[in-house]
Every structure is written in structure tokens, then in C-alpha cells.
N, C-alpha and C. Protein backbone atom coordinates (compact mmCIF):
# COMPACT_ATOMS: atom_id res chain seq x y z
N MET A 1 17.38 32.29 0.01
CA MET A 1 16.19 31.46 0.13
C MET A 1 15.20 32.10 1.12
N ASN A 2 13.97 32.25 0.73
CA ASN A 2 12.95 32.85 1.57
C ASN A 2 12.58 31.89 2.70
N THR A 3 12.75 32.35 3.94
CA THR A 3 12.45 31.48 5.09
C THR A 3 11.23 31.96 5.86
N GLU A 4 10.42 32.82 5.24
CA GLU A 4 9.24 33.34 5.93
C GLU A 4 8.07 32.38 5.87
N TYR A 5 8.11 31.45 4.94
CA TYR A 5 6.97 30.55 4.75
C TYR A 5 7.46 29.13 4.52
N ILE A 6 6.52 28.20 4.58
CA ILE A 6 6.77 26.80 4.28
C ILE A 6 6.20 26.51 2.90
N THR A 7 7.01 25.94 2.04
CA THR A 7 6.54 25.52 0.72
C THR A 7 5.92 24.14 0.84
N VAL A 8 4.65 24.03 0.53
CA VAL A 8 3.94 22.76 0.61
C VAL A 8 3.62 22.28 -0.80
N VAL A 9 4.00 21.05 -1.09
CA VAL A 9 3.68 20.40 -2.37
C VAL A 9 2.58 19.40 -2.10
N SER A 10 1.47 19.52 -2.84
CA SER A 10 0.33 18.65 -2.55
C SER A 10 -0.40 18.28 -3.83
N GLY A 11 -1.37 17.41 -3.67
CA GLY A 11 -2.18 16.91 -4.76
C GLY A 11 -2.66 15.51 -4.41
N LEU A 12 -3.42 14.91 -5.30
CA LEU A 12 -3.84 13.53 -5.11
C LEU A 12 -2.64 12.60 -5.22
N PRO A 13 -2.75 11.38 -4.69
CA PRO A 13 -1.70 10.40 -4.94
C PRO A 13 -1.53 10.19 -6.44
N ARG A 14 -0.30 10.04 -6.88
CA ARG A 14 0.05 9.79 -8.29
C ARG A 14 -0.27 10.98 -9.19
N SER A 15 -0.19 12.18 -8.65
CA SER A 15 -0.50 13.37 -9.45
C SER A 15 0.73 14.17 -9.83
N GLY A 16 1.92 13.71 -9.47
CA GLY A 16 3.14 14.41 -9.84
C GLY A 16 3.81 15.15 -8.71
N THR A 17 3.41 14.87 -7.47
CA THR A 17 4.00 15.58 -6.34
C THR A 17 5.48 15.22 -6.14
N SER A 18 5.83 13.96 -6.38
CA SER A 18 7.24 13.57 -6.22
C SER A 18 8.10 14.26 -7.28
N LEU A 19 7.58 14.35 -8.51
CA LEU A 19 8.29 15.07 -9.57
C LEU A 19 8.53 16.51 -9.17
N LEU A 20 7.53 17.15 -8.61
CA LEU A 20 7.65 18.55 -8.22
C LEU A 20 8.68 18.72 -7.11
N MET A 21 8.70 17.82 -6.15
CA MET A 21 9.71 17.87 -5.09
C MET A 21 11.11 17.72 -5.70
N GLN A 22 11.26 16.81 -6.61
CA GLN A 22 12.53 16.60 -7.30
C GLN A 22 12.97 17.87 -8.01
N MET A 23 12.03 18.56 -8.68
CA MET A 23 12.34 19.79 -9.39
C MET A 23 12.78 20.90 -8.44
N LEU A 24 12.08 21.03 -7.33
CA LEU A 24 12.43 22.07 -6.36
C LEU A 24 13.82 21.83 -5.79
N LYS A 25 14.11 20.57 -5.52
CA LYS A 25 15.45 20.24 -5.01
C LYS A 25 16.51 20.59 -6.04
N ALA A 26 16.25 20.26 -7.30
CA ALA A 26 17.20 20.57 -8.37
C ALA A 26 17.38 22.08 -8.51
N GLY A 27 16.31 22.84 -8.23
CA GLY A 27 16.36 24.29 -8.35
C GLY A 27 17.03 24.98 -7.19
N GLY A 28 17.40 24.22 -6.15
CA GLY A 28 18.12 24.81 -5.03
C GLY A 28 17.34 24.95 -3.75
N MET A 29 16.10 24.50 -3.72
CA MET A 29 15.32 24.58 -2.49
C MET A 29 15.55 23.32 -1.66
N PRO A 30 15.91 23.47 -0.39
CA PRO A 30 16.06 22.28 0.45
C PRO A 30 14.71 21.62 0.68
N VAL A 31 14.70 20.30 0.70
CA VAL A 31 13.46 19.57 0.91
C VAL A 31 13.47 18.93 2.29
N PHE A 32 12.30 18.90 2.89
CA PHE A 32 12.12 18.31 4.22
C PHE A 32 11.60 16.90 4.01
N ALA A 33 12.50 15.92 4.04
CA ALA A 33 12.14 14.53 3.79
C ALA A 33 13.09 13.65 4.59
N ASP A 34 12.64 12.42 4.86
CA ASP A 34 13.48 11.54 5.69
C ASP A 34 14.04 10.33 4.94
N GLY A 35 13.62 10.12 3.69
CA GLY A 35 14.18 9.03 2.91
C GLY A 35 13.72 7.65 3.31
N GLN A 36 12.74 7.56 4.23
CA GLN A 36 12.30 6.23 4.67
C GLN A 36 11.62 5.46 3.54
N ARG A 37 10.85 6.17 2.72
CA ARG A 37 10.25 5.52 1.56
C ARG A 37 11.20 5.71 0.38
N THR A 38 11.84 4.65 -0.02
CA THR A 38 12.89 4.73 -1.01
C THR A 38 12.35 4.63 -2.43
N ALA A 39 13.18 5.00 -3.39
CA ALA A 39 12.79 4.94 -4.80
C ALA A 39 12.46 3.51 -5.21
N ASP A 40 11.51 3.38 -6.14
CA ASP A 40 11.13 2.07 -6.65
C ASP A 40 10.69 2.22 -8.10
N GLN A 41 10.10 1.18 -8.66
CA GLN A 41 9.71 1.22 -10.07
C GLN A 41 8.63 2.27 -10.34
N ASP A 42 7.80 2.53 -9.35
CA ASP A 42 6.73 3.52 -9.53
C ASP A 42 7.25 4.95 -9.45
N ASN A 43 8.25 5.18 -8.63
CA ASN A 43 8.89 6.49 -8.52
C ASN A 43 10.40 6.29 -8.53
N PRO A 44 10.99 6.13 -9.72
CA PRO A 44 12.42 5.79 -9.81
C PRO A 44 13.34 6.83 -9.18
N ARG A 45 12.87 8.06 -9.05
CA ARG A 45 13.73 9.10 -8.49
C ARG A 45 13.38 9.45 -7.04
N GLY A 46 12.51 8.65 -6.45
CA GLY A 46 12.22 8.84 -5.04
C GLY A 46 10.88 9.50 -4.77
N TYR A 47 10.46 9.42 -3.51
CA TYR A 47 9.15 9.93 -3.10
C TYR A 47 9.23 11.25 -2.34
N PHE A 48 10.37 11.54 -1.73
CA PHE A 48 10.57 12.80 -1.00
C PHE A 48 9.52 13.00 0.09
N GLU A 49 9.26 11.95 0.86
CA GLU A 49 8.23 12.01 1.89
C GLU A 49 8.84 12.11 3.28
N LEU A 50 8.00 12.52 4.22
CA LEU A 50 8.37 12.62 5.63
C LEU A 50 7.30 11.91 6.45
N GLU A 51 7.70 10.90 7.19
CA GLU A 51 6.73 10.10 7.95
C GLU A 51 5.94 10.95 8.95
N ALA A 52 6.58 11.97 9.50
CA ALA A 52 5.92 12.80 10.51
C ALA A 52 4.69 13.52 9.97
N VAL A 53 4.62 13.71 8.65
CA VAL A 53 3.47 14.38 8.04
C VAL A 53 2.19 13.59 8.32
N LYS A 54 2.30 12.27 8.36
CA LYS A 54 1.12 11.43 8.57
C LYS A 54 0.52 11.62 9.97
N LYS A 55 1.29 12.21 10.88
CA LYS A 55 0.82 12.40 12.26
C LYS A 55 0.73 13.87 12.62
N LEU A 56 0.54 14.73 11.61
CA LEU A 56 0.44 16.17 11.85
C LEU A 56 -0.65 16.52 12.84
N LYS A 57 -1.77 15.81 12.76
CA LYS A 57 -2.90 16.12 13.63
C LYS A 57 -2.51 15.95 15.09
N GLU A 58 -1.69 14.93 15.37
CA GLU A 58 -1.28 14.66 16.75
C GLU A 58 -0.10 15.52 17.18
N ASP A 59 0.81 15.82 16.25
CA ASP A 59 2.03 16.55 16.61
C ASP A 59 2.53 17.36 15.43
N SER A 60 2.41 18.68 15.53
CA SER A 60 2.93 19.57 14.48
C SER A 60 4.03 20.47 15.04
N SER A 61 4.57 20.11 16.19
CA SER A 61 5.55 20.96 16.86
C SER A 61 6.83 21.15 16.05
N TRP A 62 7.12 20.21 15.17
CA TRP A 62 8.34 20.24 14.37
C TRP A 62 8.20 21.11 13.12
N LEU A 63 6.99 21.54 12.80
CA LEU A 63 6.72 22.13 11.50
C LEU A 63 7.48 23.45 11.27
N GLY A 64 7.73 24.18 12.33
CA GLY A 64 8.47 25.44 12.19
C GLY A 64 9.83 25.26 11.56
N ARG A 65 10.43 24.10 11.74
CA ARG A 65 11.75 23.83 11.17
C ARG A 65 11.69 23.66 9.64
N ALA A 66 10.48 23.57 9.10
CA ALA A 66 10.32 23.40 7.65
C ALA A 66 10.27 24.73 6.91
N ARG A 67 10.34 25.86 7.63
CA ARG A 67 10.37 27.15 6.94
C ARG A 67 11.59 27.21 6.03
N GLY A 68 11.38 27.71 4.82
CA GLY A 68 12.46 27.77 3.86
C GLY A 68 12.70 26.47 3.13
N HIS A 69 11.90 25.45 3.44
CA HIS A 69 12.02 24.14 2.82
C HIS A 69 10.73 23.80 2.06
N ALA A 70 10.84 22.77 1.22
CA ALA A 70 9.65 22.19 0.58
C ALA A 70 9.29 20.92 1.31
N ILE A 71 8.01 20.75 1.57
CA ILE A 71 7.53 19.56 2.25
C ILE A 71 6.32 19.01 1.49
N LYS A 72 6.27 17.71 1.36
CA LYS A 72 5.19 17.06 0.62
C LYS A 72 4.09 16.63 1.58
N VAL A 73 2.87 17.13 1.30
CA VAL A 73 1.71 16.81 2.14
C VAL A 73 0.58 16.40 1.21
N ILE A 74 0.22 15.14 1.21
CA ILE A 74 -0.84 14.66 0.32
C ILE A 74 -2.13 15.43 0.61
N SER A 75 -2.96 15.63 -0.40
CA SER A 75 -4.10 16.55 -0.27
C SER A 75 -5.03 16.20 0.89
N MET A 76 -5.19 14.93 1.20
CA MET A 76 -6.08 14.52 2.28
C MET A 76 -5.58 14.99 3.65
N LEU A 77 -4.28 15.30 3.75
CA LEU A 77 -3.71 15.70 5.03
C LEU A 77 -3.51 17.21 5.15
N LEU A 78 -3.86 17.97 4.12
CA LEU A 78 -3.71 19.43 4.19
C LEU A 78 -4.49 20.02 5.36
N TYR A 79 -5.61 19.39 5.68
CA TYR A 79 -6.48 19.90 6.74
C TYR A 79 -5.79 19.87 8.11
N ASP A 80 -4.71 19.10 8.21
CA ASP A 80 -4.02 18.97 9.49
C ASP A 80 -2.92 20.01 9.67
N LEU A 81 -2.67 20.84 8.65
CA LEU A 81 -1.66 21.88 8.79
C LEU A 81 -2.21 23.01 9.67
N PRO A 82 -1.52 23.35 10.74
CA PRO A 82 -2.04 24.36 11.67
C PRO A 82 -1.91 25.78 11.12
N PRO A 83 -2.79 26.69 11.51
CA PRO A 83 -2.76 28.07 11.00
C PRO A 83 -1.66 28.93 11.62
N ALA A 84 -0.78 28.34 12.40
CA ALA A 84 0.27 29.09 13.06
C ALA A 84 1.41 29.47 12.11
N HIS A 85 1.38 28.98 10.87
CA HIS A 85 2.45 29.22 9.92
C HIS A 85 1.89 29.82 8.63
N SER A 86 2.79 30.35 7.81
CA SER A 86 2.42 30.83 6.47
C SER A 86 2.89 29.79 5.45
N TYR A 87 2.01 29.48 4.50
CA TYR A 87 2.30 28.43 3.53
C TYR A 87 2.16 28.97 2.11
N ARG A 88 3.06 28.54 1.25
CA ARG A 88 2.87 28.69 -0.19
C ARG A 88 2.68 27.27 -0.72
N LEU A 89 1.48 27.02 -1.16
CA LEU A 89 1.07 25.68 -1.55
C LEU A 89 1.07 25.55 -3.08
N VAL A 90 1.80 24.57 -3.57
CA VAL A 90 1.77 24.23 -4.99
C VAL A 90 0.97 22.94 -5.11
N PHE A 91 -0.19 23.03 -5.72
CA PHE A 91 -1.12 21.91 -5.79
C PHE A 91 -1.11 21.35 -7.21
N MET A 92 -0.70 20.09 -7.33
CA MET A 92 -0.62 19.45 -8.63
C MET A 92 -1.97 18.89 -9.04
N LEU A 93 -2.38 19.23 -10.25
CA LEU A 93 -3.60 18.70 -10.84
C LEU A 93 -3.23 17.75 -11.97
N ARG A 94 -3.90 16.62 -12.03
CA ARG A 94 -3.67 15.67 -13.11
C ARG A 94 -5.00 15.06 -13.50
N GLN A 95 -5.17 14.81 -14.78
CA GLN A 95 -6.42 14.23 -15.23
C GLN A 95 -6.69 12.95 -14.43
N LEU A 96 -7.92 12.83 -13.95
CA LEU A 96 -8.22 11.74 -13.03
C LEU A 96 -8.07 10.36 -13.66
N ASP A 97 -8.34 10.23 -14.95
CA ASP A 97 -8.14 8.94 -15.61
C ASP A 97 -6.68 8.52 -15.54
N GLU A 98 -5.78 9.50 -15.65
CA GLU A 98 -4.35 9.20 -15.54
C GLU A 98 -3.97 8.82 -14.12
N VAL A 99 -4.52 9.54 -13.16
CA VAL A 99 -4.26 9.21 -11.75
C VAL A 99 -4.68 7.77 -11.45
N LEU A 100 -5.88 7.42 -11.89
CA LEU A 100 -6.40 6.08 -11.63
C LEU A 100 -5.59 5.01 -12.34
N ALA A 101 -5.19 5.28 -13.59
CA ALA A 101 -4.38 4.31 -14.33
C ALA A 101 -3.04 4.10 -13.65
N SER A 102 -2.44 5.16 -13.17
CA SER A 102 -1.16 5.06 -12.49
C SER A 102 -1.30 4.28 -11.19
N GLN A 103 -2.38 4.53 -10.46
CA GLN A 103 -2.62 3.79 -9.22
C GLN A 103 -2.82 2.31 -9.50
N GLN A 104 -3.57 1.99 -10.56
CA GLN A 104 -3.82 0.59 -10.89
C GLN A 104 -2.52 -0.15 -11.21
N LYS A 105 -1.64 0.50 -11.95
CA LYS A 105 -0.36 -0.14 -12.28
C LYS A 105 0.48 -0.36 -11.03
N MET A 106 0.45 0.60 -10.13
CA MET A 106 1.19 0.45 -8.89
C MET A 106 0.63 -0.70 -8.06
N LEU A 107 -0.70 -0.80 -8.00
CA LEU A 107 -1.33 -1.88 -7.24
C LEU A 107 -1.04 -3.24 -7.87
N GLN A 108 -1.01 -3.30 -9.20
CA GLN A 108 -0.66 -4.54 -9.89
C GLN A 108 0.72 -5.02 -9.49
N ARG A 109 1.67 -4.09 -9.47
CA ARG A 109 3.04 -4.46 -9.13
C ARG A 109 3.15 -4.94 -7.69
N ARG A 110 2.25 -4.42 -6.83
CA ARG A 110 2.30 -4.80 -5.42
C ARG A 110 1.39 -5.97 -5.10
N GLY A 111 0.66 -6.44 -6.12
CA GLY A 111 -0.20 -7.59 -5.91
C GLY A 111 -1.46 -7.30 -5.12
N THR A 112 -1.90 -6.04 -5.11
CA THR A 112 -3.10 -5.67 -4.35
C THR A 112 -4.21 -5.14 -5.24
N GLN A 113 -4.12 -5.39 -6.53
CA GLN A 113 -5.16 -4.93 -7.45
C GLN A 113 -6.50 -5.58 -7.09
N GLY A 114 -7.58 -4.81 -7.21
CA GLY A 114 -8.90 -5.34 -6.91
C GLY A 114 -9.33 -5.13 -5.47
N VAL A 115 -8.41 -4.59 -4.65
CA VAL A 115 -8.74 -4.30 -3.26
C VAL A 115 -9.27 -2.87 -3.18
N GLY A 116 -10.45 -2.68 -2.59
CA GLY A 116 -10.99 -1.33 -2.45
C GLY A 116 -11.99 -0.99 -3.53
N PRO A 117 -12.42 0.29 -3.59
CA PRO A 117 -13.46 0.72 -4.52
C PRO A 117 -13.01 0.58 -5.97
N ASP A 118 -14.01 0.49 -6.91
CA ASP A 118 -13.67 0.44 -8.32
C ASP A 118 -13.32 1.85 -8.81
N ASP A 119 -12.85 1.92 -10.07
CA ASP A 119 -12.38 3.21 -10.60
C ASP A 119 -13.48 4.26 -10.63
N GLY A 120 -14.70 3.85 -10.96
CA GLY A 120 -15.79 4.81 -11.02
C GLY A 120 -16.05 5.46 -9.67
N ALA A 121 -16.07 4.65 -8.63
CA ALA A 121 -16.29 5.17 -7.28
C ALA A 121 -15.12 6.05 -6.84
N MET A 122 -13.90 5.63 -7.17
CA MET A 122 -12.73 6.42 -6.79
C MET A 122 -12.72 7.77 -7.52
N LYS A 123 -13.12 7.77 -8.79
CA LYS A 123 -13.14 9.02 -9.54
C LYS A 123 -14.13 9.99 -8.92
N ARG A 124 -15.31 9.50 -8.56
CA ARG A 124 -16.30 10.38 -7.92
C ARG A 124 -15.79 10.88 -6.57
N HIS A 125 -15.12 10.01 -5.83
CA HIS A 125 -14.55 10.41 -4.54
C HIS A 125 -13.50 11.50 -4.73
N PHE A 126 -12.61 11.33 -5.71
CA PHE A 126 -11.56 12.31 -5.96
C PHE A 126 -12.15 13.64 -6.40
N GLU A 127 -13.16 13.60 -7.27
CA GLU A 127 -13.80 14.84 -7.74
C GLU A 127 -14.39 15.61 -6.56
N SER A 128 -15.09 14.91 -5.69
CA SER A 128 -15.69 15.55 -4.52
C SER A 128 -14.61 16.11 -3.59
N HIS A 129 -13.58 15.32 -3.38
CA HIS A 129 -12.49 15.74 -2.50
C HIS A 129 -11.81 17.00 -3.04
N LEU A 130 -11.55 17.05 -4.34
CA LEU A 130 -10.89 18.22 -4.92
C LEU A 130 -11.74 19.47 -4.79
N GLN A 131 -13.04 19.34 -5.05
CA GLN A 131 -13.93 20.49 -4.92
C GLN A 131 -13.94 21.02 -3.49
N LYS A 132 -14.05 20.12 -2.54
CA LYS A 132 -14.09 20.53 -1.13
C LYS A 132 -12.77 21.16 -0.70
N THR A 133 -11.67 20.56 -1.15
CA THR A 133 -10.36 21.05 -0.76
C THR A 133 -10.09 22.44 -1.33
N LYS A 134 -10.45 22.66 -2.59
CA LYS A 134 -10.26 23.98 -3.20
C LYS A 134 -11.09 25.04 -2.47
N ALA A 135 -12.31 24.70 -2.12
CA ALA A 135 -13.16 25.64 -1.40
C ALA A 135 -12.57 25.95 -0.02
N TRP A 136 -12.08 24.92 0.64
CA TRP A 136 -11.47 25.10 1.96
C TRP A 136 -10.23 25.97 1.88
N LEU A 137 -9.38 25.74 0.88
CA LEU A 137 -8.16 26.52 0.73
C LEU A 137 -8.48 27.99 0.44
N ALA A 138 -9.54 28.23 -0.32
CA ALA A 138 -9.92 29.60 -0.65
C ALA A 138 -10.27 30.41 0.59
N GLY A 139 -10.67 29.72 1.66
CA GLY A 139 -11.03 30.40 2.89
C GLY A 139 -9.93 30.46 3.92
N ARG A 140 -8.74 29.96 3.57
CA ARG A 140 -7.62 29.94 4.52
C ARG A 140 -6.66 31.08 4.21
N GLY A 141 -6.60 32.06 5.09
CA GLY A 141 -5.73 33.21 4.88
C GLY A 141 -4.25 32.90 5.01
N ASP A 142 -3.90 31.77 5.60
CA ASP A 142 -2.50 31.43 5.80
C ASP A 142 -1.90 30.70 4.58
N PHE A 143 -2.72 30.43 3.57
CA PHE A 143 -2.27 29.75 2.36
C PHE A 143 -2.29 30.69 1.16
N GLN A 144 -1.18 30.72 0.42
CA GLN A 144 -1.19 31.21 -0.96
C GLN A 144 -1.08 29.96 -1.83
N VAL A 145 -1.88 29.89 -2.89
CA VAL A 145 -1.99 28.64 -3.65
C VAL A 145 -1.71 28.86 -5.12
N LEU A 146 -0.89 27.98 -5.69
CA LEU A 146 -0.67 27.91 -7.13
C LEU A 146 -1.07 26.51 -7.59
N TYR A 147 -1.99 26.45 -8.56
CA TYR A 147 -2.37 25.16 -9.14
C TYR A 147 -1.55 24.94 -10.41
N LEU A 148 -0.88 23.78 -10.47
CA LEU A 148 -0.10 23.42 -11.65
C LEU A 148 -0.65 22.14 -12.25
N ASP A 149 -0.78 22.12 -13.57
CA ASP A 149 -1.27 20.93 -14.25
C ASP A 149 -0.09 20.05 -14.67
N TYR A 150 -0.16 18.79 -14.31
CA TYR A 150 0.91 17.83 -14.57
C TYR A 150 1.19 17.69 -16.07
N GLY A 151 0.15 17.55 -16.87
CA GLY A 151 0.33 17.41 -18.31
C GLY A 151 0.98 18.64 -18.92
N GLU A 152 0.54 19.83 -18.51
CA GLU A 152 1.12 21.06 -19.04
C GLU A 152 2.57 21.20 -18.62
N LEU A 153 2.88 20.79 -17.40
CA LEU A 153 4.25 20.85 -16.91
C LEU A 153 5.18 20.04 -17.80
N LEU A 154 4.73 18.87 -18.23
CA LEU A 154 5.57 18.02 -19.06
C LEU A 154 5.58 18.45 -20.53
N ARG A 155 4.47 19.03 -20.98
CA ARG A 155 4.41 19.48 -22.38
C ARG A 155 5.18 20.78 -22.60
N ALA A 156 5.11 21.69 -21.63
CA ALA A 156 5.78 22.99 -21.76
C ALA A 156 6.43 23.34 -20.43
N PRO A 157 7.50 22.63 -20.08
CA PRO A 157 8.07 22.78 -18.74
C PRO A 157 8.59 24.17 -18.43
N ALA A 158 9.18 24.86 -19.40
CA ALA A 158 9.75 26.18 -19.12
C ALA A 158 8.68 27.16 -18.65
N GLU A 159 7.50 27.10 -19.26
CA GLU A 159 6.42 28.01 -18.88
C GLU A 159 5.93 27.72 -17.47
N SER A 160 5.72 26.43 -17.16
CA SER A 160 5.24 26.06 -15.83
C SER A 160 6.28 26.38 -14.76
N VAL A 161 7.55 26.13 -15.07
CA VAL A 161 8.62 26.41 -14.11
C VAL A 161 8.73 27.91 -13.85
N SER A 162 8.54 28.72 -14.89
CA SER A 162 8.58 30.17 -14.71
C SER A 162 7.48 30.64 -13.76
N ARG A 163 6.27 30.11 -13.95
CA ARG A 163 5.16 30.45 -13.05
C ARG A 163 5.47 30.02 -11.62
N LEU A 164 6.01 28.83 -11.49
CA LEU A 164 6.33 28.28 -10.18
C LEU A 164 7.39 29.12 -9.47
N ALA A 165 8.45 29.47 -10.20
CA ALA A 165 9.53 30.24 -9.60
C ALA A 165 9.06 31.63 -9.18
N GLU A 166 8.21 32.25 -10.00
CA GLU A 166 7.69 33.57 -9.65
C GLU A 166 6.81 33.49 -8.40
N PHE A 167 6.01 32.45 -8.33
CA PHE A 167 5.11 32.28 -7.18
C PHE A 167 5.89 32.08 -5.88
N LEU A 168 6.92 31.25 -5.92
CA LEU A 168 7.66 30.93 -4.71
C LEU A 168 8.65 32.02 -4.31
N ASP A 169 9.13 32.80 -5.30
CA ASP A 169 10.04 33.91 -5.02
C ASP A 169 11.19 33.46 -4.12
N ALA A 170 11.86 32.39 -4.53
CA ALA A 170 12.90 31.80 -3.69
C ALA A 170 14.23 31.70 -4.42
N GLY A 171 14.40 32.45 -5.52
CA GLY A 171 15.67 32.45 -6.22
C GLY A 171 16.05 31.10 -6.82
N LEU A 172 15.07 30.37 -7.33
CA LEU A 172 15.31 29.03 -7.83
C LEU A 172 16.02 29.05 -9.20
N ASP A 173 16.81 28.02 -9.44
CA ASP A 173 17.49 27.84 -10.72
C ASP A 173 16.50 27.17 -11.69
N GLN A 174 15.86 27.98 -12.52
CA GLN A 174 14.81 27.46 -13.40
C GLN A 174 15.36 26.49 -14.44
N GLU A 175 16.53 26.77 -14.97
CA GLU A 175 17.10 25.87 -15.98
C GLU A 175 17.37 24.49 -15.39
N ALA A 176 17.87 24.45 -14.18
CA ALA A 176 18.13 23.16 -13.52
C ALA A 176 16.83 22.42 -13.26
N MET A 177 15.77 23.16 -12.94
CA MET A 177 14.48 22.53 -12.69
C MET A 177 13.94 21.89 -13.96
N VAL A 178 14.06 22.60 -15.08
CA VAL A 178 13.59 22.06 -16.37
C VAL A 178 14.41 20.82 -16.74
N ARG A 179 15.72 20.90 -16.54
CA ARG A 179 16.58 19.77 -16.89
C ARG A 179 16.28 18.52 -16.06
N SER A 180 15.75 18.71 -14.89
CA SER A 180 15.49 17.58 -13.99
C SER A 180 14.27 16.76 -14.40
N ILE A 181 13.47 17.28 -15.33
CA ILE A 181 12.23 16.60 -15.73
C ILE A 181 12.54 15.51 -16.76
N ASP A 182 12.10 14.30 -16.46
CA ASP A 182 12.27 13.18 -17.38
C ASP A 182 10.90 12.85 -17.98
N ARG A 183 10.68 13.30 -19.22
CA ARG A 183 9.37 13.08 -19.84
C ARG A 183 9.08 11.60 -20.09
N ASP A 184 10.12 10.77 -20.11
CA ASP A 184 9.91 9.34 -20.32
C ASP A 184 9.14 8.70 -19.17
N LEU A 185 9.09 9.39 -18.02
CA LEU A 185 8.36 8.85 -16.88
C LEU A 185 6.87 9.20 -16.93
N TYR A 186 6.45 9.92 -17.98
CA TYR A 186 5.02 10.21 -18.17
C TYR A 186 4.41 9.00 -18.86
N ARG A 187 4.04 7.99 -18.05
CA ARG A 187 3.71 6.67 -18.61
C ARG A 187 2.22 6.37 -18.66
N ASN A 188 1.40 7.19 -18.03
CA ASN A 188 -0.03 6.90 -17.98
C ASN A 188 -0.81 8.11 -18.50
N ARG A 189 -0.83 8.24 -19.82
CA ARG A 189 -1.44 9.39 -20.46
C ARG A 189 -2.86 9.09 -20.90
N SER A 190 -3.68 10.12 -20.87
CA SER A 190 -5.02 10.02 -21.47
C SER A 190 -5.21 11.24 -22.35
N GLY A 191 -6.46 11.63 -22.60
CA GLY A 191 -6.71 12.76 -23.48
C GLY A 191 -6.23 14.06 -22.89
N ALA A 192 -6.30 15.12 -23.65
CA ALA A 192 -5.83 16.41 -23.22
C ALA A 192 -6.71 16.96 -22.11
N GLY A 193 -6.10 17.81 -21.29
CA GLY A 193 -6.88 18.50 -20.27
C GLY A 193 -6.54 18.01 -18.88
N ALA A 194 -6.91 18.81 -17.90
CA ALA A 194 -6.62 18.48 -16.51
C ALA A 194 -7.92 18.27 -15.77
N VAL A 195 -7.78 17.87 -14.53
CA VAL A 195 -8.98 17.81 -13.70
C VAL A 195 -9.51 19.22 -13.54
N ALA A 196 -10.78 19.31 -13.25
CA ALA A 196 -11.42 20.62 -13.18
C ALA A 196 -10.68 21.53 -12.23
N GLY A 197 -10.36 22.72 -12.67
CA GLY A 197 -9.61 23.64 -11.83
C GLY A 197 -10.37 24.90 -11.59
């Protein structure tokens, strides 16, 4: 296992980051997670999150221990990763209509639907955020970035997993990664295509 860099899994909320963490774990990469957020109906196989990520801006002293591991960092918090480390970032892209539909279903189950901006405003916010984040990442020498499309991953998993394994160069078990994908969990589909990449 390559311990020279930290593998970062990122993307918008509900874009497939938990699925990707699950795949990496199945492929043999240790994941840096604390299990505080447990599996539920929205993510039946777990979230693979670490509470300390939310406070990276205040304290990143622990981050060195994540070398050789995969860690999930939502796209809004990527800016808090310090340049003292080398990162290989796998950024999940998903069609925004699907992201919004998935979020709405999650909010319905939690009884908080209707709180916050409407879908149109959220879509514009996400589009702007993605453009800014991609531009920012392009200027960061400490990041190597692979963009993966959620829909393509589920439609042709072997091809996406091959690209992922080559990018990470960590001796991952690609067959185990493909087997770990449950296409039945692709529940909020829209038309073909991904968010602008």
C-alpha cells in the first residue's frame, strides 16, 4: 500500500462518495473513519465519515496519520486541507438533478423538507461551487485529481475501477471493488450525462 500520499474522496453531498469509500475498503485500502455516523436508509452500507474532518481548519495535526488511507472530505471542506501533505483526490461527479432528488428524499425521511433554498437556487449554488473548486484544485500542486462520474461508475464499473486503480497505484483488488457495487442503490436517476466536467 502506497503511504506517500493521502487518498481523499470528495464531491457534493449525495454524489456517491460513500459508495467510493466502500469500494476502496473492499479493494484493500484502509479507510480513515470513526463510525459515529452509522448506516441508515439513505446509506445502507454506511457513510465512512470522520468527525475531525469538520474541524480541519482549526486542527489538522492528525492528518499525517491518514497517509496510506482513504478519507472522505466533502467538497466544501477541501479548502481546509493544508498544503503540508500530498493528496490523490478522487472527486465524484453526479448529475445535479440526481443529487437534488436524493437530497430531497433524505430530507423527507428526516422531516425537514422545505427548509432552506429551493432546488433552482441550490442547483445554481452547486454549479458555481463546482466551477470554483475545480479551478482552485487546478492551481494546487499538492493535489493530483481524478474525476469520476457516478452514473458511468454504475453503468460500466470495471472501466471506472480500472481508471481508479491506475490513478491510486495502491495495489487494489479491482474485482472485489466491482463486486462491492450494488446497482440497486442507484435510486435517483435522471437523464444521461454528468455535471459539467
